[in-house]
Amino acid sequence: MSDLKLPIEGECRCGKVRIRISAPPMLTMACHCTGCQRMSASAFSLSVAIPSAGFEVIAGETVIGGLHGDMSKHHHCDWCKSWMFTRIEPDMGFVNVRPTMLEDTGWFTPFIETYTSEKLPWVTTPAEHSFATFPEMSAYGDLIAGFARTKATG
C-alpha cells in the first residue's frame, strides 16, 4: 500500500468532471447496504471522508442521481453517470468521495465497513471495524481518531 500524496486529483470515467483533494482523509469505508450494491453494481461501495474545505470540483458540473434525499445527495457526472461523491446537507464538515475516481488508489483500504447485515455472504474486507448498520454518531469521534492513529503509524 502506498501513502496518499496530496493534493490528489481524480475524474469520472469520461473525464468531464474533475475533482481535487487537498486535505488528509478523516476515515475510509466500505458500505454493504443493498442501496450501495445497486448504485455500484458491486458487492459494496467505497468511500473516503474528506474535510469539506479540502475537496473541490475543479472541472465540469455534477448532477444529483441515486439518492435524492433531503440530507444526502449523490453527485454524478451528467455524461457518463459515474457516482463521484456524496454530500450531506447541511454540511457536516466532510464529503464522501468514491476513492476509485482518484488518480492513485493504492493507498486506500477501508478502515470501517457498514451495513454488514446486508452484505453478500461471500464478501470479506480488511476493515478493522464492522457494523451491522451505521455506527452511532457518538462512535465517529473514536473511529476518526483510530483511523488517524493507524495512518500515522502506517
N, C-alpha and C. Protein backbone atom coordinates (compact mmCIF):
# COMPACT_ATOMS: atom_id res chain seq x y z
N MET A 1 0.85 -1.19 0.00
CA MET A 1 0.00 0.00 0.00
C MET A 1 0.89 1.24 0.00
N SER A 2 0.59 2.17 -0.87
CA SER A 2 1.35 3.41 -0.94
C SER A 2 0.70 4.47 -0.06
N ASP A 3 1.46 5.52 0.25
CA ASP A 3 0.91 6.64 1.01
C ASP A 3 0.19 7.58 0.07
N LEU A 4 -0.84 8.23 0.57
CA LEU A 4 -1.58 9.22 -0.21
C LEU A 4 -0.75 10.49 -0.31
N LYS A 5 -0.52 10.94 -1.50
CA LYS A 5 0.22 12.18 -1.76
C LYS A 5 -0.78 13.27 -2.10
N LEU A 6 -0.76 14.36 -1.34
CA LEU A 6 -1.70 15.47 -1.55
C LEU A 6 -1.00 16.66 -2.18
N PRO A 7 -1.69 17.44 -2.96
CA PRO A 7 -3.07 17.22 -3.37
C PRO A 7 -3.14 16.08 -4.39
N ILE A 8 -4.32 15.50 -4.49
CA ILE A 8 -4.55 14.44 -5.47
C ILE A 8 -5.80 14.80 -6.26
N GLU A 9 -5.77 14.50 -7.53
CA GLU A 9 -6.92 14.78 -8.39
C GLU A 9 -7.52 13.48 -8.88
N GLY A 10 -8.70 13.59 -9.43
CA GLY A 10 -9.39 12.44 -9.97
C GLY A 10 -10.43 12.91 -10.97
N GLU A 11 -11.07 11.93 -11.59
CA GLU A 11 -12.08 12.27 -12.59
C GLU A 11 -13.06 11.13 -12.73
N CYS A 12 -14.19 11.46 -13.35
CA CYS A 12 -15.19 10.46 -13.68
C CYS A 12 -14.66 9.59 -14.82
N ARG A 13 -15.44 8.63 -15.22
CA ARG A 13 -14.99 7.71 -16.28
C ARG A 13 -14.67 8.43 -17.59
N CYS A 14 -15.48 9.42 -17.95
CA CYS A 14 -15.27 10.11 -19.24
C CYS A 14 -14.33 11.30 -19.12
N GLY A 15 -14.03 11.75 -17.90
CA GLY A 15 -13.11 12.86 -17.70
C GLY A 15 -13.73 14.25 -17.74
N LYS A 16 -15.04 14.34 -17.92
CA LYS A 16 -15.68 15.67 -17.98
C LYS A 16 -15.74 16.36 -16.62
N VAL A 17 -15.81 15.57 -15.53
CA VAL A 17 -15.83 16.13 -14.18
C VAL A 17 -14.53 15.73 -13.49
N ARG A 18 -13.83 16.74 -12.97
CA ARG A 18 -12.57 16.51 -12.26
C ARG A 18 -12.68 17.04 -10.83
N ILE A 19 -12.04 16.34 -9.91
CA ILE A 19 -12.06 16.72 -8.50
C ILE A 19 -10.64 16.82 -7.98
N ARG A 20 -10.49 17.55 -6.86
CA ARG A 20 -9.19 17.67 -6.19
C ARG A 20 -9.40 17.52 -4.69
N ILE A 21 -8.50 16.77 -4.08
CA ILE A 21 -8.48 16.62 -2.62
C ILE A 21 -7.18 17.22 -2.13
N SER A 22 -7.29 18.14 -1.16
CA SER A 22 -6.09 18.79 -0.63
C SER A 22 -5.95 18.62 0.88
N ALA A 23 -6.81 17.81 1.50
CA ALA A 23 -6.74 17.56 2.94
C ALA A 23 -6.72 16.05 3.19
N PRO A 24 -6.03 15.61 4.23
CA PRO A 24 -5.97 14.18 4.52
C PRO A 24 -7.35 13.61 4.83
N PRO A 25 -7.56 12.34 4.49
CA PRO A 25 -8.84 11.69 4.80
C PRO A 25 -9.10 11.62 6.29
N MET A 26 -10.36 11.68 6.64
CA MET A 26 -10.80 11.51 8.02
C MET A 26 -11.08 10.05 8.34
N LEU A 27 -11.54 9.30 7.32
CA LEU A 27 -11.98 7.92 7.52
C LEU A 27 -12.15 7.26 6.16
N THR A 28 -11.91 5.96 6.08
CA THR A 28 -12.16 5.21 4.85
C THR A 28 -13.18 4.11 5.16
N MET A 29 -14.04 3.83 4.19
CA MET A 29 -15.18 2.96 4.47
C MET A 29 -15.55 2.08 3.28
N ALA A 30 -16.20 0.96 3.61
CA ALA A 30 -16.91 0.13 2.64
C ALA A 30 -18.33 0.00 3.17
N CYS A 31 -19.32 0.21 2.31
CA CYS A 31 -20.72 0.07 2.72
C CYS A 31 -21.35 -1.08 1.94
N HIS A 32 -21.94 -2.01 2.68
CA HIS A 32 -22.54 -3.21 2.09
C HIS A 32 -24.05 -3.10 1.91
N CYS A 33 -24.65 -1.95 2.14
CA CYS A 33 -26.11 -1.86 2.06
C CYS A 33 -26.57 -2.17 0.63
N THR A 34 -27.80 -2.64 0.52
CA THR A 34 -28.31 -3.00 -0.81
C THR A 34 -28.38 -1.78 -1.72
N GLY A 35 -28.60 -0.59 -1.18
CA GLY A 35 -28.60 0.61 -2.00
C GLY A 35 -27.24 0.84 -2.65
N CYS A 36 -26.17 0.69 -1.87
CA CYS A 36 -24.82 0.85 -2.43
C CYS A 36 -24.50 -0.28 -3.41
N GLN A 37 -24.98 -1.47 -3.13
CA GLN A 37 -24.76 -2.57 -4.07
C GLN A 37 -25.39 -2.24 -5.41
N ARG A 38 -26.59 -1.70 -5.38
CA ARG A 38 -27.27 -1.37 -6.63
C ARG A 38 -26.62 -0.17 -7.32
N MET A 39 -26.22 0.84 -6.54
CA MET A 39 -25.58 2.03 -7.13
C MET A 39 -24.25 1.69 -7.79
N SER A 40 -23.49 0.80 -7.18
CA SER A 40 -22.15 0.50 -7.67
C SER A 40 -22.11 -0.73 -8.58
N ALA A 41 -23.22 -1.46 -8.66
CA ALA A 41 -23.25 -2.72 -9.41
C ALA A 41 -22.15 -3.65 -8.91
N SER A 42 -21.95 -3.63 -7.61
CA SER A 42 -20.89 -4.43 -6.99
C SER A 42 -21.37 -4.89 -5.62
N ALA A 43 -20.49 -5.55 -4.88
CA ALA A 43 -20.85 -6.08 -3.57
C ALA A 43 -20.90 -5.01 -2.49
N PHE A 44 -20.26 -3.87 -2.73
CA PHE A 44 -20.24 -2.77 -1.76
C PHE A 44 -19.76 -1.52 -2.47
N SER A 45 -19.92 -0.37 -1.81
CA SER A 45 -19.34 0.87 -2.33
C SER A 45 -18.19 1.26 -1.40
N LEU A 46 -17.27 2.02 -1.93
CA LEU A 46 -16.14 2.52 -1.16
C LEU A 46 -16.25 4.02 -1.01
N SER A 47 -15.86 4.54 0.15
CA SER A 47 -15.89 5.98 0.41
C SER A 47 -14.67 6.38 1.22
N VAL A 48 -14.27 7.62 0.99
CA VAL A 48 -13.26 8.24 1.83
C VAL A 48 -13.83 9.59 2.26
N ALA A 49 -13.92 9.79 3.58
CA ALA A 49 -14.45 11.05 4.12
C ALA A 49 -13.33 12.08 4.09
N ILE A 50 -13.58 13.16 3.35
CA ILE A 50 -12.62 14.24 3.20
C ILE A 50 -13.20 15.50 3.84
N PRO A 51 -12.43 16.24 4.63
CA PRO A 51 -12.95 17.50 5.16
C PRO A 51 -13.48 18.38 4.02
N SER A 52 -14.64 18.98 4.21
CA SER A 52 -15.29 19.77 3.16
C SER A 52 -14.35 20.81 2.55
N ALA A 53 -13.56 21.46 3.39
CA ALA A 53 -12.66 22.51 2.89
C ALA A 53 -11.53 21.94 2.04
N GLY A 54 -11.28 20.64 2.11
CA GLY A 54 -10.21 20.01 1.35
C GLY A 54 -10.68 19.29 0.11
N PHE A 55 -11.92 19.58 -0.32
CA PHE A 55 -12.48 18.93 -1.51
C PHE A 55 -13.05 19.98 -2.44
N GLU A 56 -12.79 19.81 -3.74
CA GLU A 56 -13.40 20.72 -4.71
C GLU A 56 -13.58 20.04 -6.05
N VAL A 57 -14.61 20.47 -6.76
CA VAL A 57 -14.81 20.09 -8.15
C VAL A 57 -14.05 21.14 -8.95
N ILE A 58 -13.08 20.71 -9.76
CA ILE A 58 -12.23 21.66 -10.47
C ILE A 58 -12.56 21.76 -11.96
N ALA A 59 -13.39 20.88 -12.46
CA ALA A 59 -13.83 20.95 -13.87
C ALA A 59 -15.17 20.25 -13.99
N GLY A 60 -16.02 20.82 -14.81
CA GLY A 60 -17.32 20.22 -15.05
C GLY A 60 -18.30 20.46 -13.92
N GLU A 61 -19.47 19.91 -14.08
CA GLU A 61 -20.52 20.03 -13.07
C GLU A 61 -21.17 18.68 -12.87
N THR A 62 -21.65 18.45 -11.65
CA THR A 62 -22.32 17.19 -11.35
C THR A 62 -23.82 17.39 -11.33
N VAL A 63 -24.53 16.29 -11.41
CA VAL A 63 -25.98 16.26 -11.25
C VAL A 63 -26.28 15.30 -10.11
N ILE A 64 -27.44 15.48 -9.51
CA ILE A 64 -27.85 14.60 -8.43
C ILE A 64 -28.50 13.36 -9.03
N GLY A 65 -28.06 12.20 -8.59
CA GLY A 65 -28.61 10.93 -9.03
C GLY A 65 -28.63 9.98 -7.86
N GLY A 66 -29.20 8.83 -8.05
CA GLY A 66 -29.24 7.86 -6.96
C GLY A 66 -30.05 8.39 -5.80
N LEU A 67 -29.39 8.74 -4.72
CA LEU A 67 -30.05 9.23 -3.51
C LEU A 67 -30.33 10.72 -3.65
N HIS A 68 -31.61 11.07 -3.65
CA HIS A 68 -32.06 12.46 -3.79
C HIS A 68 -32.65 12.95 -2.47
N GLY A 69 -32.18 12.45 -1.35
CA GLY A 69 -32.78 12.74 -0.06
C GLY A 69 -32.67 14.19 0.35
N ASP A 70 -33.38 14.50 1.44
CA ASP A 70 -33.32 15.85 1.99
C ASP A 70 -31.92 16.15 2.52
N MET A 71 -31.22 15.13 3.01
CA MET A 71 -29.88 15.34 3.59
C MET A 71 -28.78 14.87 2.66
N SER A 72 -28.80 13.62 2.26
CA SER A 72 -27.72 13.05 1.45
C SER A 72 -28.05 13.15 -0.03
N LYS A 73 -27.05 13.58 -0.80
CA LYS A 73 -27.21 13.70 -2.24
C LYS A 73 -26.00 13.09 -2.92
N HIS A 74 -26.27 12.17 -3.85
CA HIS A 74 -25.21 11.54 -4.63
C HIS A 74 -24.93 12.39 -5.86
N HIS A 75 -23.69 12.72 -6.08
CA HIS A 75 -23.27 13.55 -7.22
C HIS A 75 -22.67 12.67 -8.29
N HIS A 76 -23.15 12.86 -9.53
CA HIS A 76 -22.74 12.06 -10.68
C HIS A 76 -22.31 12.98 -11.82
N CYS A 77 -21.47 12.44 -12.69
CA CYS A 77 -21.22 13.11 -13.96
C CYS A 77 -22.47 12.98 -14.80
N ASP A 78 -22.91 14.08 -15.41
CA ASP A 78 -24.12 14.05 -16.22
C ASP A 78 -23.92 13.26 -17.51
N TRP A 79 -22.69 13.14 -17.98
CA TRP A 79 -22.44 12.45 -19.25
C TRP A 79 -22.29 10.94 -19.07
N CYS A 80 -21.32 10.53 -18.22
CA CYS A 80 -21.05 9.09 -18.08
C CYS A 80 -21.78 8.45 -16.89
N LYS A 81 -22.38 9.29 -16.05
CA LYS A 81 -23.17 8.84 -14.90
C LYS A 81 -22.34 8.23 -13.75
N SER A 82 -21.02 8.44 -13.76
CA SER A 82 -20.19 7.94 -12.66
C SER A 82 -20.64 8.57 -11.34
N TRP A 83 -20.79 7.74 -10.32
CA TRP A 83 -21.11 8.21 -8.96
C TRP A 83 -19.80 8.66 -8.34
N MET A 84 -19.64 9.97 -8.14
CA MET A 84 -18.36 10.53 -7.75
C MET A 84 -18.21 10.83 -6.27
N PHE A 85 -19.24 11.41 -5.68
CA PHE A 85 -19.17 11.76 -4.26
C PHE A 85 -20.57 11.98 -3.71
N THR A 86 -20.64 12.03 -2.38
CA THR A 86 -21.90 12.26 -1.68
C THR A 86 -21.69 13.42 -0.71
N ARG A 87 -22.62 14.36 -0.76
CA ARG A 87 -22.61 15.48 0.19
C ARG A 87 -23.82 15.33 1.10
N ILE A 88 -23.62 15.71 2.35
CA ILE A 88 -24.72 15.74 3.32
C ILE A 88 -25.04 17.19 3.58
N GLU A 89 -26.33 17.50 3.56
CA GLU A 89 -26.78 18.88 3.80
C GLU A 89 -27.65 18.90 5.05
N PRO A 90 -27.48 19.82 5.95
CA PRO A 90 -26.43 20.84 5.90
C PRO A 90 -25.06 20.18 6.06
N ASP A 91 -24.03 20.89 5.60
CA ASP A 91 -22.66 20.38 5.60
C ASP A 91 -22.27 19.94 7.01
N MET A 92 -21.87 18.68 7.12
CA MET A 92 -21.43 18.14 8.41
C MET A 92 -19.91 18.17 8.53
N GLY A 93 -19.24 18.86 7.58
CA GLY A 93 -17.79 19.01 7.68
C GLY A 93 -17.00 18.04 6.83
N PHE A 94 -17.68 17.20 6.05
CA PHE A 94 -16.97 16.25 5.21
C PHE A 94 -17.77 15.94 3.95
N VAL A 95 -17.06 15.40 2.96
CA VAL A 95 -17.64 14.91 1.71
C VAL A 95 -17.18 13.47 1.56
N ASN A 96 -18.09 12.57 1.23
CA ASN A 96 -17.72 11.17 0.98
C ASN A 96 -17.40 11.00 -0.50
N VAL A 97 -16.13 10.80 -0.79
CA VAL A 97 -15.65 10.69 -2.16
C VAL A 97 -15.45 9.21 -2.50
N ARG A 98 -15.79 8.83 -3.72
CA ARG A 98 -15.51 7.48 -4.21
C ARG A 98 -14.02 7.43 -4.54
N PRO A 99 -13.22 6.70 -3.78
CA PRO A 99 -11.77 6.70 -3.99
C PRO A 99 -11.36 6.15 -5.36
N THR A 100 -12.20 5.37 -5.99
CA THR A 100 -11.87 4.83 -7.31
C THR A 100 -11.89 5.90 -8.39
N MET A 101 -12.36 7.10 -8.07
CA MET A 101 -12.30 8.22 -9.01
C MET A 101 -10.93 8.89 -9.00
N LEU A 102 -10.11 8.60 -8.00
CA LEU A 102 -8.83 9.28 -7.83
C LEU A 102 -7.74 8.66 -8.70
N GLU A 103 -6.74 9.46 -9.03
CA GLU A 103 -5.65 9.00 -9.89
C GLU A 103 -4.85 7.87 -9.28
N ASP A 104 -4.71 7.87 -7.96
CA ASP A 104 -3.96 6.82 -7.26
C ASP A 104 -4.90 6.21 -6.23
N THR A 105 -5.08 4.90 -6.29
CA THR A 105 -5.95 4.22 -5.32
C THR A 105 -5.16 3.24 -4.45
N GLY A 106 -3.86 3.13 -4.67
CA GLY A 106 -3.05 2.16 -3.95
C GLY A 106 -2.99 2.38 -2.44
N TRP A 107 -3.27 3.58 -2.00
CA TRP A 107 -3.23 3.92 -0.57
C TRP A 107 -4.50 3.50 0.16
N PHE A 108 -5.59 3.24 -0.58
CA PHE A 108 -6.90 3.06 0.04
C PHE A 108 -7.11 1.64 0.58
N THR A 109 -7.53 1.56 1.84
CA THR A 109 -8.03 0.35 2.47
C THR A 109 -9.17 0.78 3.37
N PRO A 110 -10.31 0.09 3.33
CA PRO A 110 -11.40 0.52 4.23
C PRO A 110 -11.03 0.25 5.70
N PHE A 111 -11.21 1.28 6.52
CA PHE A 111 -10.97 1.17 7.97
C PHE A 111 -12.21 0.63 8.67
N ILE A 112 -13.39 1.05 8.18
CA ILE A 112 -14.64 0.51 8.73
C ILE A 112 -15.48 -0.04 7.58
N GLU A 113 -16.36 -0.95 7.92
CA GLU A 113 -17.37 -1.42 6.98
C GLU A 113 -18.73 -1.31 7.66
N THR A 114 -19.71 -0.86 6.89
CA THR A 114 -21.05 -0.64 7.42
C THR A 114 -22.06 -1.53 6.69
N TYR A 115 -23.19 -1.68 7.33
CA TYR A 115 -24.30 -2.48 6.81
C TYR A 115 -23.88 -3.91 6.48
N THR A 116 -23.11 -4.50 7.39
CA THR A 116 -22.75 -5.90 7.21
C THR A 116 -23.99 -6.80 7.32
N SER A 117 -25.06 -6.27 7.88
CA SER A 117 -26.32 -7.02 7.96
C SER A 117 -26.90 -7.29 6.57
N GLU A 118 -26.45 -6.53 5.56
CA GLU A 118 -26.96 -6.70 4.20
C GLU A 118 -25.88 -7.19 3.23
N LYS A 119 -24.70 -7.51 3.75
CA LYS A 119 -23.61 -7.88 2.84
C LYS A 119 -23.87 -9.24 2.20
N LEU A 120 -23.31 -9.41 1.02
CA LEU A 120 -23.38 -10.70 0.36
C LEU A 120 -22.56 -11.70 1.16
N PRO A 121 -23.02 -12.94 1.28
CA PRO A 121 -22.38 -13.88 2.21
C PRO A 121 -20.92 -14.21 1.90
N TRP A 122 -20.46 -14.05 0.70
CA TRP A 122 -19.09 -14.41 0.33
C TRP A 122 -18.11 -13.25 0.46
N VAL A 123 -18.60 -12.06 0.83
CA VAL A 123 -17.75 -10.86 0.85
C VAL A 123 -16.97 -10.74 2.15
N THR A 124 -15.68 -10.41 2.00
CA THR A 124 -14.85 -10.04 3.14
C THR A 124 -14.05 -8.81 2.75
N THR A 125 -13.75 -7.98 3.74
CA THR A 125 -12.88 -6.83 3.53
C THR A 125 -11.84 -6.83 4.65
N PRO A 126 -10.76 -6.08 4.51
CA PRO A 126 -9.77 -5.99 5.59
C PRO A 126 -10.12 -4.92 6.64
N ALA A 127 -11.35 -4.42 6.63
CA ALA A 127 -11.74 -3.35 7.57
C ALA A 127 -11.50 -3.79 9.01
N GLU A 128 -11.00 -2.85 9.81
CA GLU A 128 -10.72 -3.13 11.22
C GLU A 128 -11.96 -3.10 12.10
N HIS A 129 -13.02 -2.41 11.63
CA HIS A 129 -14.24 -2.28 12.42
C HIS A 129 -15.45 -2.57 11.53
N SER A 130 -16.36 -3.38 12.02
CA SER A 130 -17.56 -3.76 11.27
C SER A 130 -18.80 -3.39 12.06
N PHE A 131 -19.82 -2.93 11.33
CA PHE A 131 -21.07 -2.51 11.94
C PHE A 131 -22.24 -3.09 11.16
N ALA A 132 -23.24 -3.58 11.88
CA ALA A 132 -24.43 -4.16 11.23
C ALA A 132 -25.18 -3.12 10.41
N THR A 133 -25.20 -1.87 10.89
CA THR A 133 -25.80 -0.76 10.14
C THR A 133 -24.74 0.35 10.10
N PHE A 134 -25.12 1.59 10.38
CA PHE A 134 -24.14 2.65 10.55
C PHE A 134 -23.77 2.73 12.02
N PRO A 135 -22.54 3.12 12.34
CA PRO A 135 -22.20 3.32 13.76
C PRO A 135 -23.04 4.46 14.33
N GLU A 136 -23.23 4.42 15.63
CA GLU A 136 -23.89 5.54 16.31
C GLU A 136 -23.05 6.80 16.08
N MET A 137 -23.70 7.94 15.98
CA MET A 137 -22.97 9.20 15.76
C MET A 137 -21.89 9.41 16.82
N SER A 138 -22.17 8.98 18.04
CA SER A 138 -21.20 9.16 19.12
C SER A 138 -19.92 8.33 18.93
N ALA A 139 -19.95 7.33 18.06
CA ALA A 139 -18.78 6.47 17.83
C ALA A 139 -17.80 7.07 16.82
N TYR A 140 -18.25 8.02 16.02
CA TYR A 140 -17.40 8.52 14.94
C TYR A 140 -16.14 9.23 15.44
N GLY A 141 -16.20 9.93 16.55
CA GLY A 141 -15.01 10.60 17.08
C GLY A 141 -13.89 9.60 17.34
N ASP A 142 -14.22 8.50 18.00
CA ASP A 142 -13.20 7.47 18.28
C ASP A 142 -12.74 6.79 17.00
N LEU A 143 -13.65 6.56 16.05
CA LEU A 143 -13.26 5.93 14.79
C LEU A 143 -12.31 6.82 14.00
N ILE A 144 -12.61 8.11 13.95
CA ILE A 144 -11.75 9.05 13.23
C ILE A 144 -10.38 9.13 13.90
N ALA A 145 -10.37 9.16 15.23
CA ALA A 145 -9.09 9.19 15.96
C ALA A 145 -8.31 7.90 15.73
N GLY A 146 -9.00 6.77 15.73
CA GLY A 146 -8.34 5.48 15.48
C GLY A 146 -7.77 5.40 14.07
N PHE A 147 -8.52 5.92 13.09
CA PHE A 147 -8.03 5.95 11.72
C PHE A 147 -6.77 6.82 11.64
N ALA A 148 -6.80 7.98 12.28
CA ALA A 148 -5.64 8.88 12.27
C ALA A 148 -4.43 8.20 12.90
N ARG A 149 -4.62 7.47 13.99
CA ARG A 149 -3.50 6.76 14.63
C ARG A 149 -2.96 5.67 13.71
N THR A 150 -3.84 4.93 13.07
CA THR A 150 -3.43 3.86 12.17
C THR A 150 -2.63 4.42 11.01
N LYS A 151 -3.09 5.53 10.44
CA LYS A 151 -2.38 6.14 9.31
C LYS A 151 -1.05 6.73 9.74
N ALA A 152 -1.00 7.23 10.99
CA ALA A 152 0.25 7.84 11.48
C ALA A 152 1.31 6.78 11.73
N THR A 153 0.88 5.58 12.10
CA THR A 153 1.83 4.51 12.39
C THR A 153 2.06 3.60 11.20
N GLY A 154 1.30 3.81 10.13
CA GLY A 154 1.48 3.03 8.92
C GLY A 154 0.74 1.76 9.01
